[in-house]
Amino acid sequence: MVRATPRSTGRHPKSPARRLTQTSCALCRDKVQWVDYKNINLLRRYMSDRGKIRARSATGNCVRHQGEVSVAIKTARELVLLPRGDNKPTTTEPLEMAGATRGGRS
């Protein structure tokens, strides 16, 4: 049995104008050999205002440089050069002294 016409999938063919333009990695463009954990100004560009590491899709980094950036940020956090991403209290006081008696309860 021979088909006269192929079945349609119901989808329109994708137009070439619809393709997304891929941004090149800024670190590749600048020919950065390695990402140094001591370069705080560079690392802050790849962190949010809350201290989280930005995603690769948001920064436009290649896989290699995004991995190097994340390792450098984590190393700088260990050495207390950069803030941590969590907003947990860092006090060692007991909870009642740290203001945990909210809502009028005692």
N, C-alpha and C. Protein backbone atom coordinates (compact mmCIF):
# COMPACT_ATOMS: atom_id res chain seq x y z
N MET A 1 0.83 -1.17 0.00
CA MET A 1 0.00 0.00 0.00
C MET A 1 0.88 1.25 0.00
N VAL A 2 0.64 2.16 -0.87
CA VAL A 2 1.44 3.37 -1.05
C VAL A 2 0.59 4.58 -0.65
N ARG A 3 1.18 5.41 0.21
CA ARG A 3 0.48 6.62 0.62
C ARG A 3 0.68 7.72 -0.40
N ALA A 4 -0.36 8.46 -0.63
CA ALA A 4 -0.26 9.55 -1.59
C ALA A 4 0.40 10.79 -0.95
N THR A 5 -0.01 11.14 0.29
CA THR A 5 0.56 12.30 0.95
C THR A 5 0.94 11.92 2.38
N PRO A 6 2.00 12.48 2.90
CA PRO A 6 2.36 12.18 4.29
C PRO A 6 1.37 12.85 5.25
N ARG A 7 1.25 12.26 6.41
CA ARG A 7 0.34 12.83 7.41
C ARG A 7 0.92 14.12 7.96
N SER A 8 0.04 15.02 8.25
CA SER A 8 0.46 16.30 8.82
C SER A 8 0.47 16.18 10.33
N THR A 9 1.46 16.77 10.94
CA THR A 9 1.53 16.75 12.40
C THR A 9 0.70 17.86 13.02
N GLY A 10 0.19 18.77 12.21
CA GLY A 10 -0.62 19.85 12.73
C GLY A 10 0.19 21.04 13.19
N ARG A 11 1.51 20.97 13.05
CA ARG A 11 2.36 22.07 13.49
C ARG A 11 2.89 22.82 12.29
N HIS A 12 3.09 24.09 12.47
CA HIS A 12 3.67 24.89 11.40
C HIS A 12 5.18 24.73 11.44
N PRO A 13 5.83 24.78 10.30
CA PRO A 13 7.30 24.70 10.31
C PRO A 13 7.88 25.92 11.01
N LYS A 14 8.98 25.72 11.69
CA LYS A 14 9.62 26.80 12.44
C LYS A 14 10.30 27.76 11.47
N SER A 15 10.10 29.02 11.70
CA SER A 15 10.73 30.01 10.84
C SER A 15 12.14 30.29 11.36
N PRO A 16 13.09 30.60 10.48
CA PRO A 16 14.45 30.88 10.92
C PRO A 16 14.54 32.16 11.76
N ALA A 17 13.59 33.08 11.60
CA ALA A 17 13.62 34.32 12.39
C ALA A 17 13.27 34.06 13.84
N ARG A 18 12.68 32.92 14.13
CA ARG A 18 12.25 32.61 15.48
C ARG A 18 13.36 32.04 16.33
N ARG A 19 14.46 31.66 15.72
CA ARG A 19 15.56 31.08 16.46
C ARG A 19 16.13 32.09 17.44
N LEU A 20 16.54 31.61 18.60
CA LEU A 20 17.12 32.49 19.59
C LEU A 20 18.59 32.71 19.27
N THR A 21 19.04 33.92 19.49
CA THR A 21 20.45 34.20 19.28
C THR A 21 21.21 33.79 20.52
N GLN A 22 22.24 33.04 20.35
CA GLN A 22 23.02 32.53 21.46
C GLN A 22 24.09 33.55 21.83
N THR A 23 24.10 33.96 23.10
CA THR A 23 25.10 34.92 23.54
C THR A 23 26.41 34.17 23.81
N SER A 24 27.48 34.81 23.44
CA SER A 24 28.76 34.17 23.67
C SER A 24 29.20 34.44 25.11
N CYS A 25 30.03 33.58 25.62
CA CYS A 25 30.50 33.68 26.99
C CYS A 25 31.42 34.88 27.12
N ALA A 26 31.16 35.73 28.12
CA ALA A 26 31.99 36.93 28.31
C ALA A 26 33.41 36.56 28.71
N LEU A 27 33.56 35.45 29.42
CA LEU A 27 34.90 35.03 29.84
C LEU A 27 35.69 34.46 28.67
N CYS A 28 35.00 33.78 27.75
CA CYS A 28 35.68 33.30 26.54
C CYS A 28 36.06 34.48 25.65
N ARG A 29 35.18 35.47 25.57
CA ARG A 29 35.45 36.65 24.75
C ARG A 29 36.66 37.42 25.27
N ASP A 30 36.81 37.50 26.60
CA ASP A 30 37.94 38.19 27.20
C ASP A 30 39.18 37.31 27.33
N LYS A 31 39.07 36.07 26.89
CA LYS A 31 40.17 35.10 26.91
C LYS A 31 40.72 34.90 28.33
N VAL A 32 39.80 34.67 29.28
CA VAL A 32 40.17 34.41 30.67
C VAL A 32 40.66 32.97 30.77
N GLN A 33 41.86 32.76 31.25
CA GLN A 33 42.42 31.42 31.35
C GLN A 33 41.79 30.64 32.49
N TRP A 34 41.65 31.29 33.66
CA TRP A 34 41.00 30.65 34.80
C TRP A 34 40.30 31.73 35.62
N VAL A 35 39.32 31.32 36.38
CA VAL A 35 38.58 32.25 37.23
C VAL A 35 39.18 32.16 38.62
N ASP A 36 39.72 33.27 39.09
CA ASP A 36 40.40 33.30 40.37
C ASP A 36 39.41 33.63 41.47
N TYR A 37 39.48 32.91 42.58
CA TYR A 37 38.55 33.13 43.68
C TYR A 37 38.82 34.45 44.40
N LYS A 38 39.98 35.06 44.16
CA LYS A 38 40.32 36.33 44.81
C LYS A 38 39.81 37.54 44.02
N ASN A 39 39.32 37.32 42.82
CA ASN A 39 38.80 38.40 41.98
C ASN A 39 37.32 38.62 42.34
N ILE A 40 37.10 39.37 43.42
CA ILE A 40 35.77 39.53 43.98
C ILE A 40 34.86 40.33 43.04
N ASN A 41 35.41 41.33 42.36
CA ASN A 41 34.59 42.14 41.45
C ASN A 41 34.02 41.30 40.32
N LEU A 42 34.79 40.39 39.79
CA LEU A 42 34.31 39.50 38.74
C LEU A 42 33.25 38.54 39.28
N LEU A 43 33.49 37.98 40.45
CA LEU A 43 32.57 36.98 41.01
C LEU A 43 31.24 37.60 41.40
N ARG A 44 31.24 38.86 41.84
CA ARG A 44 29.98 39.51 42.22
C ARG A 44 29.05 39.70 41.03
N ARG A 45 29.61 39.77 39.82
CA ARG A 45 28.77 39.88 38.61
C ARG A 45 27.94 38.62 38.39
N TYR A 46 28.41 37.49 38.90
CA TYR A 46 27.73 36.22 38.69
C TYR A 46 26.95 35.77 39.91
N MET A 47 26.68 36.71 40.83
CA MET A 47 25.88 36.43 42.01
C MET A 47 24.67 37.35 42.04
N SER A 48 23.56 36.86 42.62
CA SER A 48 22.40 37.72 42.79
C SER A 48 22.61 38.62 43.99
N ASP A 49 21.68 39.54 44.22
CA ASP A 49 21.82 40.45 45.35
C ASP A 49 21.64 39.72 46.68
N ARG A 50 21.07 38.53 46.65
CA ARG A 50 20.91 37.74 47.87
C ARG A 50 22.07 36.77 48.09
N GLY A 51 23.06 36.78 47.21
CA GLY A 51 24.24 35.96 47.40
C GLY A 51 24.18 34.62 46.71
N LYS A 52 23.18 34.39 45.86
CA LYS A 52 23.07 33.10 45.17
C LYS A 52 23.82 33.15 43.84
N ILE A 53 24.28 32.01 43.39
CA ILE A 53 24.98 31.92 42.11
C ILE A 53 23.94 31.97 41.00
N ARG A 54 24.14 32.87 40.03
CA ARG A 54 23.20 32.98 38.92
C ARG A 54 23.34 31.78 37.98
N ALA A 55 22.25 31.44 37.35
CA ALA A 55 22.22 30.29 36.44
C ALA A 55 22.99 30.60 35.16
N ARG A 56 23.39 29.55 34.49
CA ARG A 56 24.15 29.68 33.26
C ARG A 56 23.31 30.35 32.18
N SER A 57 22.01 30.07 32.17
CA SER A 57 21.14 30.68 31.16
C SER A 57 21.00 32.18 31.40
N ALA A 58 21.13 32.63 32.64
CA ALA A 58 21.02 34.05 32.94
C ALA A 58 22.32 34.79 32.67
N THR A 59 23.45 34.14 32.89
CA THR A 59 24.74 34.81 32.72
C THR A 59 25.28 34.69 31.31
N GLY A 60 24.90 33.64 30.60
CA GLY A 60 25.41 33.44 29.25
C GLY A 60 26.77 32.79 29.21
N ASN A 61 27.19 32.19 30.31
CA ASN A 61 28.50 31.53 30.36
C ASN A 61 28.46 30.20 29.63
N CYS A 62 29.63 29.75 29.18
CA CYS A 62 29.74 28.41 28.64
C CYS A 62 29.84 27.44 29.83
N VAL A 63 29.78 26.16 29.55
CA VAL A 63 29.77 25.15 30.61
C VAL A 63 31.06 25.20 31.42
N ARG A 64 32.17 25.32 30.73
CA ARG A 64 33.47 25.32 31.41
C ARG A 64 33.60 26.50 32.37
N HIS A 65 33.28 27.69 31.88
CA HIS A 65 33.45 28.87 32.72
C HIS A 65 32.41 28.95 33.82
N GLN A 66 31.19 28.45 33.59
CA GLN A 66 30.19 28.45 34.65
C GLN A 66 30.62 27.54 35.79
N GLY A 67 31.24 26.42 35.46
CA GLY A 67 31.76 25.53 36.49
C GLY A 67 32.89 26.19 37.27
N GLU A 68 33.78 26.88 36.57
CA GLU A 68 34.88 27.57 37.24
C GLU A 68 34.37 28.70 38.12
N VAL A 69 33.35 29.42 37.65
CA VAL A 69 32.78 30.51 38.44
C VAL A 69 32.15 29.97 39.71
N SER A 70 31.41 28.88 39.60
CA SER A 70 30.73 28.34 40.78
C SER A 70 31.74 27.81 41.80
N VAL A 71 32.81 27.17 41.34
CA VAL A 71 33.84 26.68 42.26
C VAL A 71 34.56 27.86 42.92
N ALA A 72 34.84 28.92 42.14
CA ALA A 72 35.52 30.09 42.69
C ALA A 72 34.64 30.80 43.72
N ILE A 73 33.33 30.89 43.46
CA ILE A 73 32.42 31.52 44.42
C ILE A 73 32.35 30.69 45.70
N LYS A 74 32.28 29.39 45.57
CA LYS A 74 32.22 28.53 46.75
C LYS A 74 33.51 28.61 47.56
N THR A 75 34.65 28.70 46.88
CA THR A 75 35.92 28.84 47.58
C THR A 75 36.00 30.19 48.29
N ALA A 76 35.54 31.25 47.63
CA ALA A 76 35.56 32.57 48.25
C ALA A 76 34.61 32.63 49.44
N ARG A 77 33.52 31.89 49.39
CA ARG A 77 32.62 31.82 50.54
C ARG A 77 33.29 31.11 51.72
N GLU A 78 34.02 30.07 51.43
CA GLU A 78 34.72 29.34 52.49
C GLU A 78 35.73 30.24 53.19
N LEU A 79 36.39 31.11 52.43
CA LEU A 79 37.39 32.00 52.98
C LEU A 79 36.79 33.33 53.44
N VAL A 80 35.48 33.43 53.47
CA VAL A 80 34.70 34.58 53.92
C VAL A 80 35.05 35.84 53.12
N LEU A 81 35.32 35.68 51.84
CA LEU A 81 35.51 36.82 50.96
C LEU A 81 34.18 37.28 50.37
N LEU A 82 33.22 36.35 50.29
CA LEU A 82 31.88 36.63 49.77
C LEU A 82 30.84 36.16 50.77
N PRO A 83 29.65 36.77 50.75
CA PRO A 83 28.61 36.33 51.68
C PRO A 83 28.00 35.01 51.24
N ARG A 84 27.41 34.32 52.19
CA ARG A 84 26.72 33.07 51.88
C ARG A 84 25.38 33.37 51.24
N GLY A 85 24.80 32.38 50.59
CA GLY A 85 23.53 32.56 49.91
C GLY A 85 22.33 32.48 50.83
N ASP A 86 22.47 31.83 51.98
CA ASP A 86 21.32 31.69 52.87
C ASP A 86 21.24 32.88 53.82
N ASN A 87 20.06 33.13 54.31
CA ASN A 87 19.86 34.25 55.22
C ASN A 87 19.58 33.74 56.63
N LYS A 88 20.28 32.72 57.03
CA LYS A 88 20.10 32.16 58.36
C LYS A 88 20.82 33.02 59.39
N PRO A 89 20.27 33.12 60.58
CA PRO A 89 20.97 33.90 61.60
C PRO A 89 22.26 33.21 62.01
N THR A 90 23.27 34.00 62.26
CA THR A 90 24.58 33.44 62.60
C THR A 90 24.92 33.66 64.07
N THR A 91 23.94 34.07 64.88
CA THR A 91 24.22 34.32 66.28
C THR A 91 24.27 33.01 67.05
N THR A 92 25.01 33.03 68.12
CA THR A 92 25.09 31.85 68.98
C THR A 92 24.33 32.08 70.29
N GLU A 93 23.55 33.19 70.34
CA GLU A 93 22.76 33.48 71.53
C GLU A 93 21.58 32.53 71.61
N PRO A 94 21.06 32.28 72.80
CA PRO A 94 19.83 31.51 72.91
C PRO A 94 18.68 32.23 72.23
N LEU A 95 17.67 31.49 71.81
CA LEU A 95 16.59 32.08 71.03
C LEU A 95 15.85 33.16 71.79
N GLU A 96 15.65 33.03 73.11
CA GLU A 96 14.90 34.05 73.83
C GLU A 96 15.68 35.36 73.91
N MET A 97 16.99 35.30 73.85
CA MET A 97 17.79 36.52 73.87
C MET A 97 17.89 37.14 72.48
N ALA A 98 17.74 36.36 71.44
CA ALA A 98 17.89 36.85 70.06
C ALA A 98 16.61 37.47 69.55
N GLY A 99 15.57 37.61 70.38
CA GLY A 99 14.33 38.25 69.93
C GLY A 99 13.34 37.26 69.38
N ALA A 100 13.31 36.05 69.85
CA ALA A 100 12.40 35.04 69.33
C ALA A 100 11.05 35.08 70.03
N THR A 101 10.86 36.00 70.96
CA THR A 101 9.58 36.09 71.66
C THR A 101 8.69 37.10 70.95
N ARG A 102 8.25 36.75 69.73
CA ARG A 102 7.39 37.64 68.95
C ARG A 102 5.93 37.35 69.25
N GLY A 103 5.10 38.29 68.91
CA GLY A 103 3.65 38.08 69.01
C GLY A 103 3.11 38.25 70.41
N GLY A 104 3.86 38.81 71.31
CA GLY A 104 3.38 39.06 72.67
C GLY A 104 3.43 37.84 73.56
N ARG A 105 3.92 36.72 73.05
CA ARG A 105 4.04 35.53 73.89
C ARG A 105 5.33 35.58 74.68
N SER A 106 5.32 34.99 75.88
CA SER A 106 6.55 34.97 76.65
C SER A 106 6.90 33.57 77.08
